[in-house]
Amino acid sequence: MASVLKKRRKKMRKHKYKKLRRRQKFLRRKS
């Protein structure tokens, strides 16, 4: 069970990074 939770956490981290990258692109366009 613990290994499954670790895998899920890794997926969530990747998803968060994708959102951050999108925000950075939007900020660059606005500036």
Protein backbone atom coordinates (compact mmCIF):
# COMPACT_ATOMS: atom_id res chain seq x y z
CA MET A 1 0.00 0.00 0.00
CA ALA A 2 2.79 2.45 0.85
CA SER A 3 4.41 2.01 -2.57
CA VAL A 4 1.09 2.88 -4.26
CA LEU A 5 0.82 6.11 -2.27
CA LYS A 6 4.37 7.08 -3.25
CA LYS A 7 3.53 6.54 -6.94
CA ARG A 8 0.42 8.69 -6.60
CA ARG A 9 2.45 11.46 -4.96
CA LYS A 10 4.90 11.42 -7.87
CA LYS A 11 2.02 11.80 -10.34
CA MET A 12 0.57 14.71 -8.37
CA ARG A 13 3.96 16.44 -8.34
CA LYS A 14 4.22 16.13 -12.12
CA HIS A 15 0.73 17.55 -12.53
CA LYS A 16 1.58 20.53 -10.30
CA TYR A 17 4.73 21.23 -12.28
CA LYS A 18 2.71 21.26 -15.51
CA LYS A 19 0.36 23.88 -14.06
CA LEU A 20 3.30 26.01 -12.91
CA ARG A 21 4.84 25.85 -16.39
CA ARG A 22 1.56 27.00 -17.94
CA ARG A 23 1.37 29.94 -15.51
CA GLN A 24 4.93 30.97 -16.38
CA LYS A 25 4.06 31.00 -20.10
CA PHE A 26 0.99 33.17 -19.46
CA LEU A 27 3.02 35.61 -17.36
CA ARG A 28 5.60 35.92 -20.14
CA ARG A 29 2.88 36.70 -22.70
CA LYS A 30 1.35 39.41 -20.49
CA SER A 31 4.67 41.12 -19.70
